[in-house]
PDB file of N, CA and C in Angstrom:
ATOM      1  N   MET A   1     -33.701 -11.510 -13.040  1.00  0.00           N
ATOM      2  CA  MET A   1     -32.668 -10.791 -12.327  1.00  0.00           C
ATOM      3  C   MET A   1     -31.333 -11.048 -13.025  1.00  0.00           C
ATOM      4  N   LYS A   2     -30.687  -9.961 -13.436  1.00  0.00           N
ATOM      5  CA  LYS A   2     -29.435 -10.075 -14.166  1.00  0.00           C
ATOM      6  C   LYS A   2     -28.228 -10.318 -13.265  1.00  0.00           C
ATOM      7  N   ASN A   3     -28.312  -9.866 -12.018  1.00  0.00           N
ATOM      8  CA  ASN A   3     -27.175 -10.021 -11.118  1.00  0.00           C
ATOM      9  C   ASN A   3     -27.673 -10.316  -9.710  1.00  0.00           C
ATOM     10  N   ASN A   4     -26.788 -10.395  -8.767  1.00  0.00           N
ATOM     11  CA  ASN A   4     -27.184 -10.793  -7.422  1.00  0.00           C
ATOM     12  C   ASN A   4     -27.487  -9.614  -6.505  1.00  0.00           C
ATOM     13  N   LEU A   5     -27.679  -8.424  -7.049  1.00  0.00           N
ATOM     14  CA  LEU A   5     -27.976  -7.272  -6.218  1.00  0.00           C
ATOM     15  C   LEU A   5     -29.449  -7.193  -5.819  1.00  0.00           C
ATOM     16  N   GLY A   6     -30.289  -7.829  -6.571  1.00  0.00           N
ATOM     17  CA  GLY A   6     -31.708  -7.785  -6.251  1.00  0.00           C
ATOM     18  C   GLY A   6     -32.280  -6.399  -6.500  1.00  0.00           C
ATOM     19  N   ASN A   7     -33.450  -6.137  -5.939  1.00  0.00           N
ATOM     20  CA  ASN A   7     -34.071  -4.829  -6.081  1.00  0.00           C
ATOM     21  C   ASN A   7     -33.675  -3.968  -4.900  1.00  0.00           C
ATOM     22  N   THR A   8     -32.912  -2.946  -5.162  1.00  0.00           N
ATOM     23  CA  THR A   8     -32.480  -2.052  -4.101  1.00  0.00           C
ATOM     24  C   THR A   8     -32.469  -0.627  -4.619  1.00  0.00           C
ATOM     25  N   LYS A   9     -32.702   0.312  -3.731  1.00  0.00           N
ATOM     26  CA  LYS A   9     -32.659   1.719  -4.113  1.00  0.00           C
ATOM     27  C   LYS A   9     -31.299   2.334  -3.827  1.00  0.00           C
ATOM     28  N   MET A  10     -30.417   1.523  -3.237  1.00  0.00           N
ATOM     29  CA  MET A  10     -29.079   2.023  -2.943  1.00  0.00           C
ATOM     30  C   MET A  10     -28.308   2.237  -4.234  1.00  0.00           C
ATOM     31  N   LEU A  11     -27.497   3.255  -4.232  1.00  0.00           N
ATOM     32  CA  LEU A  11     -26.658   3.517  -5.390  1.00  0.00           C
ATOM     33  C   LEU A  11     -25.571   2.452  -5.485  1.00  0.00           C
ATOM     34  N   LYS A  12     -25.291   2.068  -6.675  1.00  0.00           N
ATOM     35  CA  LYS A  12     -24.247   1.080  -6.900  1.00  0.00           C
ATOM     36  C   LYS A  12     -22.948   1.823  -7.170  1.00  0.00           C
ATOM     37  N   LYS A  13     -21.903   1.449  -6.454  1.00  0.00           N
ATOM     38  CA  LYS A  13     -20.602   2.078  -6.654  1.00  0.00           C
ATOM     39  C   LYS A  13     -19.827   1.299  -7.700  1.00  0.00           C
ATOM     40  N   ARG A  14     -19.207   2.042  -8.562  1.00  0.00           N
ATOM     41  CA  ARG A  14     -18.319   1.412  -9.525  1.00  0.00           C
ATOM     42  C   ARG A  14     -16.902   1.675  -9.064  1.00  0.00           C
ATOM     43  N   ARG A  15     -16.177   0.634  -8.858  1.00  0.00           N
ATOM     44  CA  ARG A  15     -14.785   0.762  -8.452  1.00  0.00           C
ATOM     45  C   ARG A  15     -13.904   0.432  -9.640  1.00  0.00           C
ATOM     46  N   PHE A  16     -12.974   1.280  -9.860  1.00  0.00           N
ATOM     47  CA  PHE A  16     -12.039   1.051 -10.946  1.00  0.00           C
ATOM     48  C   PHE A  16     -10.735   0.567 -10.336  1.00  0.00           C
ATOM     49  N   LYS A  17     -10.494  -0.716 -10.430  1.00  0.00           N
ATOM     50  CA  LYS A  17      -9.296  -1.315  -9.862  1.00  0.00           C
ATOM     51  C   LYS A  17      -8.184  -1.249 -10.898  1.00  0.00           C
ATOM     52  N   ARG A  18      -7.109  -0.603 -10.492  1.00  0.00           N
ATOM     53  CA  ARG A  18      -5.942  -0.536 -11.359  1.00  0.00           C
ATOM     54  C   ARG A  18      -4.711  -0.916 -10.567  1.00  0.00           C
ATOM     55  N   ASP A  19      -4.872  -1.778  -9.594  1.00  0.00           N
ATOM     56  CA  ASP A  19      -3.775  -2.076  -8.686  1.00  0.00           C
ATOM     57  C   ASP A  19      -2.506  -2.535  -9.403  1.00  0.00           C
ATOM     58  N   LEU A  20      -2.645  -3.398 -10.381  1.00  0.00           N
ATOM     59  CA  LEU A  20      -1.443  -3.880 -11.067  1.00  0.00           C
ATOM     60  C   LEU A  20      -0.779  -2.776 -11.868  1.00  0.00           C
ATOM     61  N   ASN A  21      -1.574  -1.944 -12.510  1.00  0.00           N
ATOM     62  CA  ASN A  21      -0.994  -0.821 -13.245  1.00  0.00           C
ATOM     63  C   ASN A  21      -0.338   0.166 -12.289  1.00  0.00           C
ATOM     64  N   ASP A  22      -0.988   0.426 -11.153  1.00  0.00           N
ATOM     65  CA  ASP A  22      -0.409   1.320 -10.157  1.00  0.00           C
ATOM     66  C   ASP A  22       0.886   0.742  -9.599  1.00  0.00           C
ATOM     67  N   PHE A  23       0.901  -0.562  -9.369  1.00  0.00           N
ATOM     68  CA  PHE A  23       2.108  -1.226  -8.877  1.00  0.00           C
ATOM     69  C   PHE A  23       3.246  -1.087  -9.892  1.00  0.00           C
ATOM     70  N   ASP A  24       2.934  -1.281 -11.159  1.00  0.00           N
ATOM     71  CA  ASP A  24       3.960  -1.195 -12.201  1.00  0.00           C
ATOM     72  C   ASP A  24       4.537   0.209 -12.325  1.00  0.00           C
ATOM     73  N   ARG A  25       3.802   1.218 -11.940  1.00  0.00           N
ATOM     74  CA  ARG A  25       4.273   2.597 -12.042  1.00  0.00           C
ATOM     75  C   ARG A  25       5.138   3.031 -10.863  1.00  0.00           C
ATOM     76  N   LEU A  26       5.204   2.215  -9.810  1.00  0.00           N
ATOM     77  CA  LEU A  26       6.032   2.556  -8.660  1.00  0.00           C
ATOM     78  C   LEU A  26       7.507   2.483  -9.036  1.00  0.00           C
ATOM     79  N   PRO A  27       8.352   3.254  -8.344  1.00  0.00           N
ATOM     80  CA  PRO A  27       9.797   3.119  -8.582  1.00  0.00           C
ATOM     81  C   PRO A  27      10.267   1.696  -8.259  1.00  0.00           C
ATOM     82  N   LYS A  28      11.309   1.265  -8.940  1.00  0.00           N
ATOM     83  CA  LYS A  28      11.778  -0.115  -8.806  1.00  0.00           C
ATOM     84  C   LYS A  28      12.106  -0.477  -7.354  1.00  0.00           C
ATOM     85  N   ASN A  29      12.793   0.415  -6.631  1.00  0.00           N
ATOM     86  CA  ASN A  29      13.162   0.091  -5.251  1.00  0.00           C
ATOM     87  C   ASN A  29      11.922  -0.035  -4.358  1.00  0.00           C
ATOM     88  N   LEU A  30      10.893   0.737  -4.632  1.00  0.00           N
ATOM     89  CA  LEU A  30       9.667   0.642  -3.849  1.00  0.00           C
ATOM     90  C   LEU A  30       8.894  -0.635  -4.186  1.00  0.00           C
ATOM     91  N   ARG A  31       8.890  -1.024  -5.458  1.00  0.00           N
ATOM     92  CA  ARG A  31       8.249  -2.300  -5.844  1.00  0.00           C
ATOM     93  C   ARG A  31       8.933  -3.470  -5.160  1.00  0.00           C
ATOM     94  N   GLU A  32      10.259  -3.459  -5.138  1.00  0.00           N
ATOM     95  CA  GLU A  32      11.003  -4.544  -4.491  1.00  0.00           C
ATOM     96  C   GLU A  32      10.725  -4.580  -2.993  1.00  0.00           C
ATOM     97  N   TRP A  33      10.662  -3.400  -2.369  1.00  0.00           N
ATOM     98  CA  TRP A  33      10.362  -3.358  -0.938  1.00  0.00           C
ATOM     99  C   TRP A  33       8.965  -3.909  -0.680  1.00  0.00           C
ATOM    100  N   LEU A  34       8.024  -3.534  -1.492  1.00  0.00           N
ATOM    101  CA  LEU A  34       6.644  -3.966  -1.313  1.00  0.00           C
ATOM    102  C   LEU A  34       6.492  -5.474  -1.500  1.00  0.00           C
ATOM    103  N   ILE A  35       7.227  -6.045  -2.432  1.00  0.00           N
ATOM    104  CA  ILE A  35       7.189  -7.496  -2.649  1.00  0.00           C
ATOM    105  C   ILE A  35       7.685  -8.236  -1.412  1.00  0.00           C
ATOM    106  N   ASN A  36       8.704  -7.690  -0.756  1.00  0.00           N
ATOM    107  CA  ASN A  36       9.314  -8.348   0.397  1.00  0.00           C
ATOM    108  C   ASN A  36       8.776  -7.854   1.740  1.00  0.00           C
ATOM    109  N   ALA A  37       7.768  -7.011   1.729  1.00  0.00           N
ATOM    110  CA  ALA A  37       7.230  -6.453   2.977  1.00  0.00           C
ATOM    111  C   ALA A  37       6.608  -7.555   3.830  1.00  0.00           C
ATOM    112  N   SER A  38       6.677  -7.358   5.135  1.00  0.00           N
ATOM    113  CA  SER A  38       6.120  -8.335   6.073  1.00  0.00           C
ATOM    114  C   SER A  38       4.633  -8.133   6.297  1.00  0.00           C
ATOM    115  N   TYR A  39       4.139  -7.005   5.898  1.00  0.00           N
ATOM    116  CA  TYR A  39       2.731  -6.660   6.093  1.00  0.00           C
ATOM    117  C   TYR A  39       2.122  -6.379   4.726  1.00  0.00           C
ATOM    118  N   PRO A  40       0.884  -6.781   4.481  1.00  0.00           N
ATOM    119  CA  PRO A  40       0.263  -6.540   3.165  1.00  0.00           C
ATOM    120  C   PRO A  40      -0.196  -5.084   3.004  1.00  0.00           C
ATOM    121  N   TRP A  41       0.671  -4.240   2.534  1.00  0.00           N
ATOM    122  CA  TRP A  41       0.377  -2.827   2.359  1.00  0.00           C
ATOM    123  C   TRP A  41      -0.488  -2.585   1.135  1.00  0.00           C
ATOM    124  N   SER A  42      -1.286  -1.532   1.186  1.00  0.00           N
ATOM    125  CA  SER A  42      -1.979  -1.096  -0.025  1.00  0.00           C
ATOM    126  C   SER A  42      -1.018  -0.189  -0.789  1.00  0.00           C
ATOM    127  N   ILE A  43      -1.169  -0.164  -2.070  1.00  0.00           N
ATOM    128  CA  ILE A  43      -0.292   0.643  -2.903  1.00  0.00           C
ATOM    129  C   ILE A  43      -0.479   2.125  -2.573  1.00  0.00           C
ATOM    130  N   LYS A  44      -1.700   2.506  -2.318  1.00  0.00           N
ATOM    131  CA  LYS A  44      -1.998   3.901  -2.010  1.00  0.00           C
ATOM    132  C   LYS A  44      -1.277   4.365  -0.744  1.00  0.00           C
ATOM    133  N   SER A  45      -1.315   3.559   0.313  1.00  0.00           N
ATOM    134  CA  SER A  45      -0.682   3.974   1.563  1.00  0.00           C
ATOM    135  C   SER A  45       0.841   3.963   1.452  1.00  0.00           C
ATOM    136  N   VAL A  46       1.396   3.000   0.747  1.00  0.00           N
ATOM    137  CA  VAL A  46       2.851   2.943   0.566  1.00  0.00           C
ATOM    138  C   VAL A  46       3.333   4.150  -0.232  1.00  0.00           C
ATOM    139  N   LYS A  47       2.607   4.489  -1.288  1.00  0.00           N
ATOM    140  CA  LYS A  47       2.987   5.649  -2.092  1.00  0.00           C
ATOM    141  C   LYS A  47       2.961   6.920  -1.261  1.00  0.00           C
ATOM    142  N   LYS A  48       1.936   7.068  -0.447  1.00  0.00           N
ATOM    143  CA  LYS A  48       1.792   8.272   0.375  1.00  0.00           C
ATOM    144  C   LYS A  48       2.970   8.419   1.341  1.00  0.00           C
ATOM    145  N   ILE A  49       3.289   7.343   2.042  1.00  0.00           N
ATOM    146  CA  ILE A  49       4.392   7.376   3.004  1.00  0.00           C
ATOM    147  C   ILE A  49       5.731   7.576   2.289  1.00  0.00           C
ATOM    148  N   TYR A  50       5.953   6.833   1.227  1.00  0.00           N
ATOM    149  CA  TYR A  50       7.224   6.887   0.502  1.00  0.00           C
ATOM    150  C   TYR A  50       7.482   8.282  -0.056  1.00  0.00           C
ATOM    151  N   TYR A  51       6.510   8.851  -0.753  1.00  0.00           N
ATOM    152  CA  TYR A  51       6.733  10.152  -1.378  1.00  0.00           C
ATOM    153  C   TYR A  51       6.840  11.274  -0.353  1.00  0.00           C
ATOM    154  N   LYS A  52       6.159  11.149   0.769  1.00  0.00           N
ATOM    155  CA  LYS A  52       6.315  12.142   1.836  1.00  0.00           C
ATOM    156  C   LYS A  52       7.732  12.065   2.413  1.00  0.00           C
ATOM    157  N   ALA A  53       8.189  10.852   2.683  1.00  0.00           N
ATOM    158  CA  ALA A  53       9.550  10.677   3.200  1.00  0.00           C
ATOM    159  C   ALA A  53      10.585  11.112   2.166  1.00  0.00           C
ATOM    160  N   LEU A  54      10.326  10.844   0.908  1.00  0.00           N
ATOM    161  CA  LEU A  54      11.237  11.249  -0.158  1.00  0.00           C
ATOM    162  C   LEU A  54      11.321  12.775  -0.238  1.00  0.00           C
ATOM    163  N   ASP A  55      10.188  13.452  -0.101  1.00  0.00           N
ATOM    164  CA  ASP A  55      10.190  14.917  -0.095  1.00  0.00           C
ATOM    165  C   ASP A  55      10.943  15.464   1.112  1.00  0.00           C
ATOM    166  N   ASP A  56      10.749  14.816   2.270  1.00  0.00           N
ATOM    167  CA  ASP A  56      11.388  15.297   3.503  1.00  0.00           C
ATOM    168  C   ASP A  56      12.896  15.073   3.503  1.00  0.00           C
ATOM    169  N   THR A  57      13.337  13.923   3.004  1.00  0.00           N
ATOM    170  CA  THR A  57      14.752  13.557   3.099  1.00  0.00           C
ATOM    171  C   THR A  57      15.527  13.789   1.804  1.00  0.00           C
ATOM    172  N   GLY A  58      14.855  13.673   0.675  1.00  0.00           N
ATOM    173  CA  GLY A  58      15.537  13.799  -0.606  1.00  0.00           C
ATOM    174  C   GLY A  58      16.282  12.551  -1.023  1.00  0.00           C
ATOM    175  N   SER A  59      16.135  11.477  -0.256  1.00  0.00           N
ATOM    176  CA  SER A  59      16.867  10.243  -0.543  1.00  0.00           C
ATOM    177  C   SER A  59      15.898   9.068  -0.606  1.00  0.00           C
ATOM    178  N   ALA A  60      16.005   8.286  -1.686  1.00  0.00           N
ATOM    179  CA  ALA A  60      15.150   7.101  -1.823  1.00  0.00           C
ATOM    180  C   ALA A  60      15.483   6.060  -0.763  1.00  0.00           C
ATOM    181  N   MET A  61      16.778   5.941  -0.420  1.00  0.00           N
ATOM    182  CA  MET A  61      17.176   4.972   0.611  1.00  0.00           C
ATOM    183  C   MET A  61      16.584   5.328   1.968  1.00  0.00           C
ATOM    184  N   LEU A  62      16.589   6.608   2.314  1.00  0.00           N
ATOM    185  CA  LEU A  62      16.023   7.040   3.592  1.00  0.00           C
ATOM    186  C   LEU A  62      14.496   6.891   3.593  1.00  0.00           C
ATOM    187  N   ALA A  63      13.876   7.053   2.436  1.00  0.00           N
ATOM    188  CA  ALA A  63      12.434   6.857   2.344  1.00  0.00           C
ATOM    189  C   ALA A  63      12.071   5.385   2.583  1.00  0.00           C
ATOM    190  N   ILE A  64      12.885   4.483   2.049  1.00  0.00           N
ATOM    191  CA  ILE A  64      12.673   3.050   2.284  1.00  0.00           C
ATOM    192  C   ILE A  64      12.910   2.726   3.753  1.00  0.00           C
ATOM    193  N   GLU A  65      13.916   3.342   4.360  1.00  0.00           N
ATOM    194  CA  GLU A  65      14.163   3.127   5.792  1.00  0.00           C
ATOM    195  C   GLU A  65      12.978   3.600   6.633  1.00  0.00           C
ATOM    196  N   GLU A  66      12.362   4.682   6.213  1.00  0.00           N
ATOM    197  CA  GLU A  66      11.171   5.169   6.914  1.00  0.00           C
ATOM    198  C   GLU A  66      10.034   4.144   6.820  1.00  0.00           C
ATOM    199  N   LEU A  67       9.870   3.545   5.657  1.00  0.00           N
ATOM    200  CA  LEU A  67       8.867   2.487   5.506  1.00  0.00           C
ATOM    201  C   LEU A  67       9.189   1.301   6.410  1.00  0.00           C
ATOM    202  N   ASN A  68      10.462   0.928   6.482  1.00  0.00           N
ATOM    203  CA  ASN A  68      10.861  -0.170   7.365  1.00  0.00           C
ATOM    204  C   ASN A  68      10.542   0.150   8.818  1.00  0.00           C
ATOM    205  N   LYS A  69      10.825   1.385   9.228  1.00  0.00           N
ATOM    206  CA  LYS A  69      10.559   1.803  10.601  1.00  0.00           C
ATOM    207  C   LYS A  69       9.063   1.772  10.913  1.00  0.00           C
ATOM    208  N   ILE A  70       8.255   2.277   9.996  1.00  0.00           N
ATOM    209  CA  ILE A  70       6.804   2.286  10.200  1.00  0.00           C
ATOM    210  C   ILE A  70       6.262   0.864  10.251  1.00  0.00           C
ATOM    211  N   GLN A  71       6.750   0.010   9.364  1.00  0.00           N
ATOM    212  CA  GLN A  71       6.300  -1.381   9.352  1.00  0.00           C
ATOM    213  C   GLN A  71       6.680  -2.094  10.652  1.00  0.00           C
ATOM    214  N   LYS A  72       7.901  -1.879  11.111  1.00  0.00           N
ATOM    215  CA  LYS A  72       8.359  -2.500  12.358  1.00  0.00           C
ATOM    216  C   LYS A  72       7.497  -2.054  13.536  1.00  0.00           C
ATOM    217  N   ASN A  73       7.209  -0.753  13.611  1.00  0.00           N
ATOM    218  CA  ASN A  73       6.358  -0.241  14.684  1.00  0.00           C
ATOM    219  C   ASN A  73       4.941  -0.802  14.615  1.00  0.00           C
ATOM    220  N   TYR A  74       4.427  -0.937  13.408  1.00  0.00           N
ATOM    221  CA  TYR A  74       3.089  -1.485  13.236  1.00  0.00           C
ATOM    222  C   TYR A  74       3.036  -2.940  13.705  1.00  0.00           C
ATOM    223  N   LEU A  75       4.022  -3.724  13.299  1.00  0.00           N
ATOM    224  CA  LEU A  75       4.055  -5.131  13.686  1.00  0.00           C
ATOM    225  C   LEU A  75       4.218  -5.276  15.198  1.00  0.00           C
ATOM    226  N   LYS A  76       5.029  -4.412  15.791  1.00  0.00           N
ATOM    227  CA  LYS A  76       5.220  -4.449  17.237  1.00  0.00           C
ATOM    228  C   LYS A  76       3.932  -4.037  17.968  1.00  0.00           C
ATOM    229  N   LYS A  77       3.276  -3.014  17.470  1.00  0.00           N
ATOM    230  CA  LYS A  77       2.053  -2.490  18.087  1.00  0.00           C
ATOM    231  C   LYS A  77       0.957  -3.555  18.146  1.00  0.00           C
ATOM    232  N   TYR A  78       0.806  -4.285  17.066  1.00  0.00           N
ATOM    233  CA  TYR A  78      -0.244  -5.303  16.998  1.00  0.00           C
ATOM    234  C   TYR A  78       0.266  -6.701  17.320  1.00  0.00           C
ATOM    235  N   LYS A  79       1.497  -6.773  17.826  1.00  0.00           N
ATOM    236  CA  LYS A  79       2.098  -8.034  18.267  1.00  0.00           C
ATOM    237  C   LYS A  79       2.011  -9.113  17.199  1.00  0.00           C
ATOM    238  N   ILE A  80       2.381  -8.751  16.003  1.00  0.00           N
ATOM    239  CA  ILE A  80       2.385  -9.691  14.882  1.00  0.00           C
ATOM    240  C   ILE A  80       3.772 -10.304  14.817  1.00  0.00           C
ATOM    241  N   SER A  81       3.827 -11.613  14.891  1.00  0.00           N
ATOM    242  CA  SER A  81       5.102 -12.319  14.849  1.00  0.00           C
ATOM    243  C   SER A  81       5.427 -12.715  13.427  1.00  0.00           C
ATOM    244  N   LEU A  82       6.695 -12.662  13.090  1.00  0.00           N
ATOM    245  CA  LEU A  82       7.121 -13.043  11.748  1.00  0.00           C
ATOM    246  C   LEU A  82       7.655 -14.469  11.698  1.00  0.00           C
ATOM    247  N   ASN A  83       7.528 -15.202  12.768  1.00  0.00           N
ATOM    248  CA  ASN A  83       8.045 -16.592  12.814  1.00  0.00           C
ATOM    249  C   ASN A  83       7.181 -17.524  12.069  1.00  0.00           C
TER     250      ASN A  83
END
């Protein structure tokens, strides 16, 4: 046995992880926000929210504020304390 999958008929998924490369391609202000975020966001979800807010508002600062608002609501919803 070459690996720990054993004998299975299930298809094996190949995942191509490029998280660090994807992170490096984010705008500088979004990378800084993500580094200091209180919740461990995925790069995919942050990009989706940020670019939608950026399209709606036309301002990078307002897009970051939208991320802050969503994060605050999420933390409040699940009663996550930052202390």
